[in-house]
Amino acid sequence: MLQHIRIVLVQTFHPGNIGAAARAMKTMGLTELVLVNPRLFPAEEATRLAAGATDVLESARVVNSLEEAVNDCVQVVGASARLRNLPCPTLTNPMRWRQTSS
């Protein structure tokens, strides 16, 4: 089943993030990495941060568009990083929230 999961990184700015993603993928048994318009790849920093997952980096596919990266996928799930200047919403008093949301 894991061979059917594809990780797609879109317009990755820092090559170290590509290497870290490859390392995380390898840890979870995932091997298919697709990069959409990375700023810099291949890169020495990506290889260094891959730490044992260079096979994932070496087999990574680079494409020009998100559509090209997922055109043969049956289901796509996306996530995005939040802007660094926006605060994360936090729940400061869980008991109070429970009482008012019932």
PDB file of N, CA and C in Angstrom:
ATOM      1  N   MET A   1       0.814  -1.201   0.000  1.00  0.00           N
ATOM      2  CA  MET A   1       0.000   0.000   0.000  1.00  0.00           C
ATOM      3  C   MET A   1       0.855   1.262   0.000  1.00  0.00           C
ATOM      4  N   LEU A   2       1.985   1.257   0.713  1.00  0.00           N
ATOM      5  CA  LEU A   2       2.819   2.455   0.789  1.00  0.00           C
ATOM      6  C   LEU A   2       3.353   2.882  -0.566  1.00  0.00           C
ATOM      7  N   GLN A   3       3.505   1.951  -1.497  1.00  0.00           N
ATOM      8  CA  GLN A   3       4.004   2.304  -2.823  1.00  0.00           C
ATOM      9  C   GLN A   3       3.009   3.154  -3.607  1.00  0.00           C
ATOM     10  N   HIS A   4       1.767   3.240  -3.116  1.00  0.00           N
ATOM     11  CA  HIS A   4       0.746   4.044  -3.782  1.00  0.00           C
ATOM     12  C   HIS A   4       0.655   5.461  -3.215  1.00  0.00           C
ATOM     13  N   ILE A   5       1.479   5.771  -2.234  1.00  0.00           N
ATOM     14  CA  ILE A   5       1.452   7.105  -1.623  1.00  0.00           C
ATOM     15  C   ILE A   5       2.583   7.938  -2.210  1.00  0.00           C
ATOM     16  N   ARG A   6       2.247   9.114  -2.666  1.00  0.00           N
ATOM     17  CA  ARG A   6       3.204  10.024  -3.275  1.00  0.00           C
ATOM     18  C   ARG A   6       3.254  11.305  -2.442  1.00  0.00           C
ATOM     19  N   ILE A   7       4.448  11.750  -2.150  1.00  0.00           N
ATOM     20  CA  ILE A   7       4.624  13.019  -1.454  1.00  0.00           C
ATOM     21  C   ILE A   7       5.035  14.052  -2.496  1.00  0.00           C
ATOM     22  N   VAL A   8       4.314  15.169  -2.525  1.00  0.00           N
ATOM     23  CA  VAL A   8       4.585  16.239  -3.485  1.00  0.00           C
ATOM     24  C   VAL A   8       4.929  17.502  -2.707  1.00  0.00           C
ATOM     25  N   LEU A   9       6.077  18.078  -3.003  1.00  0.00           N
ATOM     26  CA  LEU A   9       6.472  19.357  -2.416  1.00  0.00           C
ATOM     27  C   LEU A   9       6.426  20.405  -3.522  1.00  0.00           C
ATOM     28  N   VAL A  10       5.745  21.517  -3.252  1.00  0.00           N
ATOM     29  CA  VAL A  10       5.532  22.538  -4.275  1.00  0.00           C
ATOM     30  C   VAL A  10       6.385  23.763  -3.983  1.00  0.00           C
ATOM     31  N   GLN A  11       7.176  24.149  -4.956  1.00  0.00           N
ATOM     32  CA  GLN A  11       8.024  25.340  -4.923  1.00  0.00           C
ATOM     33  C   GLN A  11       8.812  25.449  -3.617  1.00  0.00           C
ATOM     34  N   THR A  12       9.497  24.378  -3.297  1.00  0.00           N
ATOM     35  CA  THR A  12      10.297  24.347  -2.072  1.00  0.00           C
ATOM     36  C   THR A  12      11.419  25.368  -2.183  1.00  0.00           C
ATOM     37  N   PHE A  13      11.490  26.261  -1.206  1.00  0.00           N
ATOM     38  CA  PHE A  13      12.487  27.330  -1.226  1.00  0.00           C
ATOM     39  C   PHE A  13      13.826  26.859  -0.687  1.00  0.00           C
ATOM     40  N   HIS A  14      13.828  26.148   0.409  1.00  0.00           N
ATOM     41  CA  HIS A  14      15.057  25.737   1.084  1.00  0.00           C
ATOM     42  C   HIS A  14      15.359  24.280   0.747  1.00  0.00           C
ATOM     43  N   PRO A  15      16.501  23.969   0.116  1.00  0.00           N
ATOM     44  CA  PRO A  15      16.786  22.587  -0.257  1.00  0.00           C
ATOM     45  C   PRO A  15      16.886  21.641   0.940  1.00  0.00           C
ATOM     46  N   GLY A  16      17.213  22.168   2.111  1.00  0.00           N
ATOM     47  CA  GLY A  16      17.258  21.331   3.301  1.00  0.00           C
ATOM     48  C   GLY A  16      15.906  20.724   3.626  1.00  0.00           C
ATOM     49  N   ASN A  17      14.834  21.438   3.301  1.00  0.00           N
ATOM     50  CA  ASN A  17      13.489  20.905   3.544  1.00  0.00           C
ATOM     51  C   ASN A  17      13.216  19.684   2.671  1.00  0.00           C
ATOM     52  N   ILE A  18      13.776  19.668   1.480  1.00  0.00           N
ATOM     53  CA  ILE A  18      13.609  18.511   0.597  1.00  0.00           C
ATOM     54  C   ILE A  18      14.306  17.299   1.218  1.00  0.00           C
ATOM     55  N   GLY A  19      15.523  17.505   1.708  1.00  0.00           N
ATOM     56  CA  GLY A  19      16.260  16.416   2.337  1.00  0.00           C
ATOM     57  C   GLY A  19      15.579  15.914   3.593  1.00  0.00           C
ATOM     58  N   ALA A  20      15.075  16.838   4.413  1.00  0.00           N
ATOM     59  CA  ALA A  20      14.377  16.446   5.642  1.00  0.00           C
ATOM     60  C   ALA A  20      13.103  15.675   5.308  1.00  0.00           C
ATOM     61  N   ALA A  21      12.400  16.094   4.272  1.00  0.00           N
ATOM     62  CA  ALA A  21      11.187  15.377   3.858  1.00  0.00           C
ATOM     63  C   ALA A  21      11.544  13.968   3.379  1.00  0.00           C
ATOM     64  N   ALA A  22      12.633  13.845   2.629  1.00  0.00           N
ATOM     65  CA  ALA A  22      13.068  12.524   2.157  1.00  0.00           C
ATOM     66  C   ALA A  22      13.403  11.623   3.340  1.00  0.00           C
ATOM     67  N   ARG A  23      14.069  12.174   4.344  1.00  0.00           N
ATOM     68  CA  ARG A  23      14.422  11.379   5.534  1.00  0.00           C
ATOM     69  C   ARG A  23      13.164  10.921   6.256  1.00  0.00           C
ATOM     70  N   ALA A  24      12.195  11.812   6.428  1.00  0.00           N
ATOM     71  CA  ALA A  24      10.931  11.456   7.083  1.00  0.00           C
ATOM     72  C   ALA A  24      10.183  10.399   6.274  1.00  0.00           C
ATOM     73  N   MET A  25      10.189  10.559   4.963  1.00  0.00           N
ATOM     74  CA  MET A  25       9.529   9.579   4.107  1.00  0.00           C
ATOM     75  C   MET A  25      10.139   8.199   4.284  1.00  0.00           C
ATOM     76  N   LYS A  26      11.456   8.138   4.254  1.00  0.00           N
ATOM     77  CA  LYS A  26      12.160   6.852   4.382  1.00  0.00           C
ATOM     78  C   LYS A  26      11.817   6.183   5.710  1.00  0.00           C
ATOM     79  N   THR A  27      11.749   6.982   6.766  1.00  0.00           N
ATOM     80  CA  THR A  27      11.407   6.470   8.094  1.00  0.00           C
ATOM     81  C   THR A  27      10.036   5.812   8.079  1.00  0.00           C
ATOM     82  N   MET A  28       9.113   6.356   7.284  1.00  0.00           N
ATOM     83  CA  MET A  28       7.751   5.830   7.231  1.00  0.00           C
ATOM     84  C   MET A  28       7.550   4.793   6.122  1.00  0.00           C
ATOM     85  N   GLY A  29       8.615   4.491   5.376  1.00  0.00           N
ATOM     86  CA  GLY A  29       8.498   3.496   4.315  1.00  0.00           C
ATOM     87  C   GLY A  29       7.977   4.045   3.009  1.00  0.00           C
ATOM     88  N   LEU A  30       7.995   5.356   2.839  1.00  0.00           N
ATOM     89  CA  LEU A  30       7.528   5.977   1.602  1.00  0.00           C
ATOM     90  C   LEU A  30       8.722   6.249   0.696  1.00  0.00           C
ATOM     91  N   THR A  31       8.528   6.133  -0.613  1.00  0.00           N
ATOM     92  CA  THR A  31       9.656   6.300  -1.530  1.00  0.00           C
ATOM     93  C   THR A  31       9.403   7.255  -2.686  1.00  0.00           C
ATOM     94  N   GLU A  32       8.152   7.590  -2.977  1.00  0.00           N
ATOM     95  CA  GLU A  32       7.870   8.401  -4.160  1.00  0.00           C
ATOM     96  C   GLU A  32       7.755   9.882  -3.806  1.00  0.00           C
ATOM     97  N   LEU A  33       8.770  10.643  -4.211  1.00  0.00           N
ATOM     98  CA  LEU A  33       8.835  12.073  -3.961  1.00  0.00           C
ATOM     99  C   LEU A  33       8.783  12.814  -5.289  1.00  0.00           C
ATOM    100  N   VAL A  34       7.880  13.778  -5.385  1.00  0.00           N
ATOM    101  CA  VAL A  34       7.770  14.611  -6.576  1.00  0.00           C
ATOM    102  C   VAL A  34       7.936  16.059  -6.142  1.00  0.00           C
ATOM    103  N   LEU A  35       8.771  16.789  -6.865  1.00  0.00           N
ATOM    104  CA  LEU A  35       9.049  18.185  -6.559  1.00  0.00           C
ATOM    105  C   LEU A  35       8.519  19.062  -7.682  1.00  0.00           C
ATOM    106  N   VAL A  36       7.696  20.036  -7.323  1.00  0.00           N
ATOM    107  CA  VAL A  36       7.160  20.973  -8.298  1.00  0.00           C
ATOM    108  C   VAL A  36       7.964  22.262  -8.201  1.00  0.00           C
ATOM    109  N   ASN A  37       8.694  22.567  -9.253  1.00  0.00           N
ATOM    110  CA  ASN A  37       9.495  23.799  -9.339  1.00  0.00           C
ATOM    111  C   ASN A  37      10.298  24.114  -8.079  1.00  0.00           C
ATOM    112  N   PRO A  38      11.160  23.215  -7.633  1.00  0.00           N
ATOM    113  CA  PRO A  38      11.980  23.555  -6.466  1.00  0.00           C
ATOM    114  C   PRO A  38      12.959  24.668  -6.835  1.00  0.00           C
ATOM    115  N   ARG A  39      13.276  25.526  -5.887  1.00  0.00           N
ATOM    116  CA  ARG A  39      14.212  26.624  -6.158  1.00  0.00           C
ATOM    117  C   ARG A  39      15.586  26.070  -6.504  1.00  0.00           C
ATOM    118  N   LEU A  40      16.026  25.042  -5.770  1.00  0.00           N
ATOM    119  CA  LEU A  40      17.355  24.485  -5.981  1.00  0.00           C
ATOM    120  C   LEU A  40      17.337  22.987  -5.697  1.00  0.00           C
ATOM    121  N   PHE A  41      17.479  22.195  -6.748  1.00  0.00           N
ATOM    122  CA  PHE A  41      17.551  20.743  -6.607  1.00  0.00           C
ATOM    123  C   PHE A  41      18.141  20.168  -7.876  1.00  0.00           C
ATOM    124  N   PRO A  42      19.081  19.248  -7.770  1.00  0.00           N
ATOM    125  CA  PRO A  42      19.671  18.697  -6.566  1.00  0.00           C
ATOM    126  C   PRO A  42      20.551  19.724  -5.857  1.00  0.00           C
ATOM    127  N   ALA A  43      20.771  19.475  -4.568  1.00  0.00           N
ATOM    128  CA  ALA A  43      21.573  20.386  -3.761  1.00  0.00           C
ATOM    129  C   ALA A  43      22.285  19.608  -2.670  1.00  0.00           C
ATOM    130  N   GLU A  44      23.495  20.043  -2.357  1.00  0.00           N
ATOM    131  CA  GLU A  44      24.292  19.386  -1.325  1.00  0.00           C
ATOM    132  C   GLU A  44      23.571  19.387   0.023  1.00  0.00           C
ATOM    133  N   GLU A  45      22.896  20.483   0.336  1.00  0.00           N
ATOM    134  CA  GLU A  45      22.192  20.556   1.632  1.00  0.00           C
ATOM    135  C   GLU A  45      21.040  19.562   1.707  1.00  0.00           C
ATOM    136  N   ALA A  46      20.355  19.354   0.598  1.00  0.00           N
ATOM    137  CA  ALA A  46      19.278  18.358   0.580  1.00  0.00           C
ATOM    138  C   ALA A  46      19.854  16.969   0.852  1.00  0.00           C
ATOM    139  N   THR A  47      20.970  16.661   0.217  1.00  0.00           N
ATOM    140  CA  THR A  47      21.606  15.362   0.421  1.00  0.00           C
ATOM    141  C   THR A  47      22.070  15.202   1.855  1.00  0.00           C
ATOM    142  N   ARG A  48      22.653  16.247   2.415  1.00  0.00           N
ATOM    143  CA  ARG A  48      23.143  16.175   3.800  1.00  0.00           C
ATOM    144  C   ARG A  48      21.991  15.930   4.777  1.00  0.00           C
ATOM    145  N   LEU A  49      20.886  16.635   4.599  1.00  0.00           N
ATOM    146  CA  LEU A  49      19.763  16.481   5.525  1.00  0.00           C
ATOM    147  C   LEU A  49      18.931  15.228   5.266  1.00  0.00           C
ATOM    148  N   ALA A  50      19.134  14.597   4.131  1.00  0.00           N
ATOM    149  CA  ALA A  50      18.427  13.343   3.854  1.00  0.00           C
ATOM    150  C   ALA A  50      18.936  12.225   4.762  1.00  0.00           C
ATOM    151  N   ALA A  51      20.183  12.278   5.174  1.00  0.00           N
ATOM    152  CA  ALA A  51      20.777  11.362   6.165  1.00  0.00           C
ATOM    153  C   ALA A  51      20.277   9.920   6.058  1.00  0.00           C
ATOM    154  N   GLY A  52      20.725   9.227   5.046  1.00  0.00           N
ATOM    155  CA  GLY A  52      20.339   7.825   4.895  1.00  0.00           C
ATOM    156  C   GLY A  52      19.180   7.613   3.937  1.00  0.00           C
ATOM    157  N   ALA A  53      18.647   8.678   3.396  1.00  0.00           N
ATOM    158  CA  ALA A  53      17.526   8.561   2.467  1.00  0.00           C
ATOM    159  C   ALA A  53      17.896   9.124   1.092  1.00  0.00           C
ATOM    160  N   THR A  54      19.166   9.026   0.742  1.00  0.00           N
ATOM    161  CA  THR A  54      19.582   9.568  -0.554  1.00  0.00           C
ATOM    162  C   THR A  54      18.924   8.818  -1.712  1.00  0.00           C
ATOM    163  N   ASP A  55      18.533   7.563  -1.489  1.00  0.00           N
ATOM    164  CA  ASP A  55      17.829   6.838  -2.542  1.00  0.00           C
ATOM    165  C   ASP A  55      16.497   7.505  -2.877  1.00  0.00           C
ATOM    166  N   VAL A  56      15.834   8.057  -1.863  1.00  0.00           N
ATOM    167  CA  VAL A  56      14.570   8.775  -2.103  1.00  0.00           C
ATOM    168  C   VAL A  56      14.850  10.034  -2.916  1.00  0.00           C
ATOM    169  N   LEU A  57      15.920  10.754  -2.579  1.00  0.00           N
ATOM    170  CA  LEU A  57      16.286  11.962  -3.330  1.00  0.00           C
ATOM    171  C   LEU A  57      16.661  11.623  -4.768  1.00  0.00           C
ATOM    172  N   GLU A  58      17.453  10.578  -4.932  1.00  0.00           N
ATOM    173  CA  GLU A  58      17.920  10.207  -6.272  1.00  0.00           C
ATOM    174  C   GLU A  58      16.790   9.781  -7.191  1.00  0.00           C
ATOM    175  N   SER A  59      15.724   9.252  -6.623  1.00  0.00           N
ATOM    176  CA  SER A  59      14.590   8.834  -7.454  1.00  0.00           C
ATOM    177  C   SER A  59      13.495   9.900  -7.533  1.00  0.00           C
ATOM    178  N   ALA A  60      13.724  11.046  -6.898  1.00  0.00           N
ATOM    179  CA  ALA A  60      12.718  12.121  -6.926  1.00  0.00           C
ATOM    180  C   ALA A  60      12.520  12.610  -8.366  1.00  0.00           C
ATOM    181  N   ARG A  61      11.290  12.940  -8.649  1.00  0.00           N
ATOM    182  CA  ARG A  61      10.928  13.446  -9.969  1.00  0.00           C
ATOM    183  C   ARG A  61      10.654  14.933  -9.851  1.00  0.00           C
ATOM    184  N   VAL A  62      11.181  15.732 -10.773  1.00  0.00           N
ATOM    185  CA  VAL A  62      10.946  17.176 -10.789  1.00  0.00           C
ATOM    186  C   VAL A  62      10.000  17.483 -11.941  1.00  0.00           C
ATOM    187  N   VAL A  63       8.911  18.201 -11.627  1.00  0.00           N
ATOM    188  CA  VAL A  63       7.915  18.561 -12.641  1.00  0.00           C
ATOM    189  C   VAL A  63       7.657  20.064 -12.598  1.00  0.00           C
ATOM    190  N   ASN A  64       6.927  20.556 -13.588  1.00  0.00           N
ATOM    191  CA  ASN A  64       6.686  21.996 -13.711  1.00  0.00           C
ATOM    192  C   ASN A  64       5.401  22.490 -13.072  1.00  0.00           C
ATOM    193  N   SER A  65       4.462  21.588 -12.791  1.00  0.00           N
ATOM    194  CA  SER A  65       3.186  22.053 -12.246  1.00  0.00           C
ATOM    195  C   SER A  65       2.607  21.030 -11.273  1.00  0.00           C
ATOM    196  N   LEU A  66       1.751  21.521 -10.390  1.00  0.00           N
ATOM    197  CA  LEU A  66       1.066  20.628  -9.459  1.00  0.00           C
ATOM    198  C   LEU A  66       0.185  19.652 -10.224  1.00  0.00           C
ATOM    199  N   GLU A  67      -0.446  20.136 -11.279  1.00  0.00           N
ATOM    200  CA  GLU A  67      -1.291  19.257 -12.095  1.00  0.00           C
ATOM    201  C   GLU A  67      -0.484  18.079 -12.643  1.00  0.00           C
ATOM    202  N   GLU A  68       0.716  18.341 -13.096  1.00  0.00           N
ATOM    203  CA  GLU A  68       1.574  17.277 -13.607  1.00  0.00           C
ATOM    204  C   GLU A  68       1.977  16.296 -12.500  1.00  0.00           C
ATOM    205  N   ALA A  69       2.137  16.805 -11.289  1.00  0.00           N
ATOM    206  CA  ALA A  69       2.552  15.963 -10.162  1.00  0.00           C
ATOM    207  C   ALA A  69       1.470  15.006  -9.713  1.00  0.00           C
ATOM    208  N   VAL A  70       0.206  15.396  -9.879  1.00  0.00           N
ATOM    209  CA  VAL A  70      -0.898  14.581  -9.348  1.00  0.00           C
ATOM    210  C   VAL A  70      -1.866  14.089 -10.419  1.00  0.00           C
ATOM    211  N   ASN A  71      -1.523  14.253 -11.692  1.00  0.00           N
ATOM    212  CA  ASN A  71      -2.482  13.948 -12.761  1.00  0.00           C
ATOM    213  C   ASN A  71      -2.955  12.500 -12.784  1.00  0.00           C
ATOM    214  N   ASP A  72      -2.207  11.572 -12.228  1.00  0.00           N
ATOM    215  CA  ASP A  72      -2.636  10.173 -12.223  1.00  0.00           C
ATOM    216  C   ASP A  72      -3.055   9.696 -10.835  1.00  0.00           C
ATOM    217  N   CYS A  73      -3.254  10.615  -9.915  1.00  0.00           N
ATOM    218  CA  CYS A  73      -3.647  10.254  -8.550  1.00  0.00           C
ATOM    219  C   CYS A  73      -5.164  10.089  -8.453  1.00  0.00           C
ATOM    220  N   VAL A  74      -5.597   9.196  -7.596  1.00  0.00           N
ATOM    221  CA  VAL A  74      -7.018   8.968  -7.370  1.00  0.00           C
ATOM    222  C   VAL A  74      -7.539   9.910  -6.292  1.00  0.00           C
ATOM    223  N   GLN A  75      -6.751  10.129  -5.271  1.00  0.00           N
ATOM    224  CA  GLN A  75      -7.141  11.010  -4.170  1.00  0.00           C
ATOM    225  C   GLN A  75      -5.944  11.881  -3.807  1.00  0.00           C
ATOM    226  N   VAL A  76      -6.203  13.167  -3.577  1.00  0.00           N
ATOM    227  CA  VAL A  76      -5.141  14.109  -3.233  1.00  0.00           C
ATOM    228  C   VAL A  76      -5.519  14.812  -1.944  1.00  0.00           C
ATOM    229  N   VAL A  77      -4.580  14.856  -1.009  1.00  0.00           N
ATOM    230  CA  VAL A  77      -4.762  15.557   0.252  1.00  0.00           C
ATOM    231  C   VAL A  77      -3.671  16.601   0.324  1.00  0.00           C
ATOM    232  N   GLY A  78      -4.033  17.851   0.619  1.00  0.00           N
ATOM    233  CA  GLY A  78      -3.043  18.916   0.643  1.00  0.00           C
ATOM    234  C   GLY A  78      -2.931  19.577   1.994  1.00  0.00           C
ATOM    235  N   ALA A  79      -1.767  20.123   2.234  1.00  0.00           N
ATOM    236  CA  ALA A  79      -1.512  20.887   3.454  1.00  0.00           C
ATOM    237  C   ALA A  79      -0.571  22.022   3.095  1.00  0.00           C
ATOM    238  N   SER A  80      -0.623  23.069   3.880  1.00  0.00           N
ATOM    239  CA  SER A  80       0.228  24.217   3.620  1.00  0.00           C
ATOM    240  C   SER A  80       0.758  24.758   4.937  1.00  0.00           C
ATOM    241  N   ALA A  81       1.937  25.309   4.894  1.00  0.00           N
ATOM    242  CA  ALA A  81       2.495  25.944   6.085  1.00  0.00           C
ATOM    243  C   ALA A  81       1.771  27.257   6.337  1.00  0.00           C
ATOM    244  N   ARG A  82       1.610  27.594   7.607  1.00  0.00           N
ATOM    245  CA  ARG A  82       0.985  28.871   7.920  1.00  0.00           C
ATOM    246  C   ARG A  82       2.008  29.977   7.725  1.00  0.00           C
ATOM    247  N   LEU A  83       1.539  31.177   7.497  1.00  0.00           N
ATOM    248  CA  LEU A  83       2.445  32.313   7.421  1.00  0.00           C
ATOM    249  C   LEU A  83       3.108  32.498   8.770  1.00  0.00           C
ATOM    250  N   ARG A  84       4.363  32.765   8.782  1.00  0.00           N
ATOM    251  CA  ARG A  84       5.108  32.873  10.029  1.00  0.00           C
ATOM    252  C   ARG A  84       4.698  34.090  10.858  1.00  0.00           C
ATOM    253  N   ASN A  85       4.107  35.095  10.239  1.00  0.00           N
ATOM    254  CA  ASN A  85       3.736  36.292  10.994  1.00  0.00           C
ATOM    255  C   ASN A  85       2.316  36.235  11.559  1.00  0.00           C
ATOM    256  N   LEU A  86       1.611  35.133  11.321  1.00  0.00           N
ATOM    257  CA  LEU A  86       0.277  34.983  11.886  1.00  0.00           C
ATOM    258  C   LEU A  86       0.357  34.102  13.123  1.00  0.00           C
ATOM    259  N   PRO A  87      -0.282  34.506  14.202  1.00  0.00           N
ATOM    260  CA  PRO A  87      -0.231  33.663  15.406  1.00  0.00           C
ATOM    261  C   PRO A  87      -1.079  32.402  15.228  1.00  0.00           C
ATOM    262  N   CYS A  88      -0.613  31.336  15.827  1.00  0.00           N
ATOM    263  CA  CYS A  88      -1.389  30.088  15.836  1.00  0.00           C
ATOM    264  C   CYS A  88      -2.544  30.240  16.813  1.00  0.00           C
ATOM    265  N   PRO A  89      -3.742  29.827  16.448  1.00  0.00           N
ATOM    266  CA  PRO A  89      -4.824  29.864  17.430  1.00  0.00           C
ATOM    267  C   PRO A  89      -4.529  28.866  18.546  1.00  0.00           C
ATOM    268  N   THR A  90      -4.789  29.271  19.749  1.00  0.00           N
ATOM    269  CA  THR A  90      -4.544  28.380  20.885  1.00  0.00           C
ATOM    270  C   THR A  90      -5.782  28.299  21.755  1.00  0.00           C
ATOM    271  N   LEU A  91      -5.883  27.223  22.447  1.00  0.00           N
ATOM    272  CA  LEU A  91      -6.969  27.000  23.392  1.00  0.00           C
ATOM    273  C   LEU A  91      -6.362  27.161  24.778  1.00  0.00           C
ATOM    274  N   THR A  92      -6.651  28.289  25.421  1.00  0.00           N
ATOM    275  CA  THR A  92      -5.982  28.581  26.684  1.00  0.00           C
ATOM    276  C   THR A  92      -6.659  27.944  27.886  1.00  0.00           C
ATOM    277  N   ASN A  93      -7.977  27.734  27.808  1.00  0.00           N
ATOM    278  CA  ASN A  93      -8.684  27.162  28.939  1.00  0.00           C
ATOM    279  C   ASN A  93      -9.678  26.125  28.421  1.00  0.00           C
ATOM    280  N   PRO A  94      -9.243  24.865  28.271  1.00  0.00           N
ATOM    281  CA  PRO A  94     -10.111  23.833  27.706  1.00  0.00           C
ATOM    282  C   PRO A  94     -11.416  23.636  28.464  1.00  0.00           C
ATOM    283  N   MET A  95     -11.399  23.751  29.775  1.00  0.00           N
ATOM    284  CA  MET A  95     -12.626  23.550  30.557  1.00  0.00           C
ATOM    285  C   MET A  95     -13.647  24.635  30.244  1.00  0.00           C
ATOM    286  N   ARG A  96     -13.197  25.864  30.134  1.00  0.00           N
ATOM    287  CA  ARG A  96     -14.112  26.972  29.805  1.00  0.00           C
ATOM    288  C   ARG A  96     -14.703  26.760  28.414  1.00  0.00           C
ATOM    289  N   TRP A  97     -13.885  26.313  27.466  1.00  0.00           N
ATOM    290  CA  TRP A  97     -14.352  26.082  26.109  1.00  0.00           C
ATOM    291  C   TRP A  97     -15.432  24.991  26.110  1.00  0.00           C
ATOM    292  N   ARG A  98     -15.213  23.939  26.849  1.00  0.00           N
ATOM    293  CA  ARG A  98     -16.177  22.851  26.920  1.00  0.00           C
ATOM    294  C   ARG A  98     -17.517  23.318  27.456  1.00  0.00           C
ATOM    295  N   GLN A  99     -17.463  24.190  28.478  1.00  0.00           N
ATOM    296  CA  GLN A  99     -18.694  24.670  29.096  1.00  0.00           C
ATOM    297  C   GLN A  99     -19.484  25.571  28.168  1.00  0.00           C
ATOM    298  N   THR A 100     -18.807  26.401  27.375  1.00  0.00           N
ATOM    299  CA  THR A 100     -19.514  27.345  26.517  1.00  0.00           C
ATOM    300  C   THR A 100     -19.889  26.758  25.169  1.00  0.00           C
ATOM    301  N   SER A 101     -19.280  25.650  24.767  1.00  0.00           N
ATOM    302  CA  SER A 101     -19.570  25.100  23.450  1.00  0.00           C
ATOM    303  C   SER A 101     -20.663  24.039  23.478  1.00  0.00           C
ATOM    304  N   SER A 102     -21.186  23.685  24.636  1.00  0.00           N
ATOM    305  CA  SER A 102     -22.191  22.632  24.726  1.00  0.00           C
ATOM    306  C   SER A 102     -23.549  23.101  24.305  1.00  0.00           C
TER     307      SER A 102
END
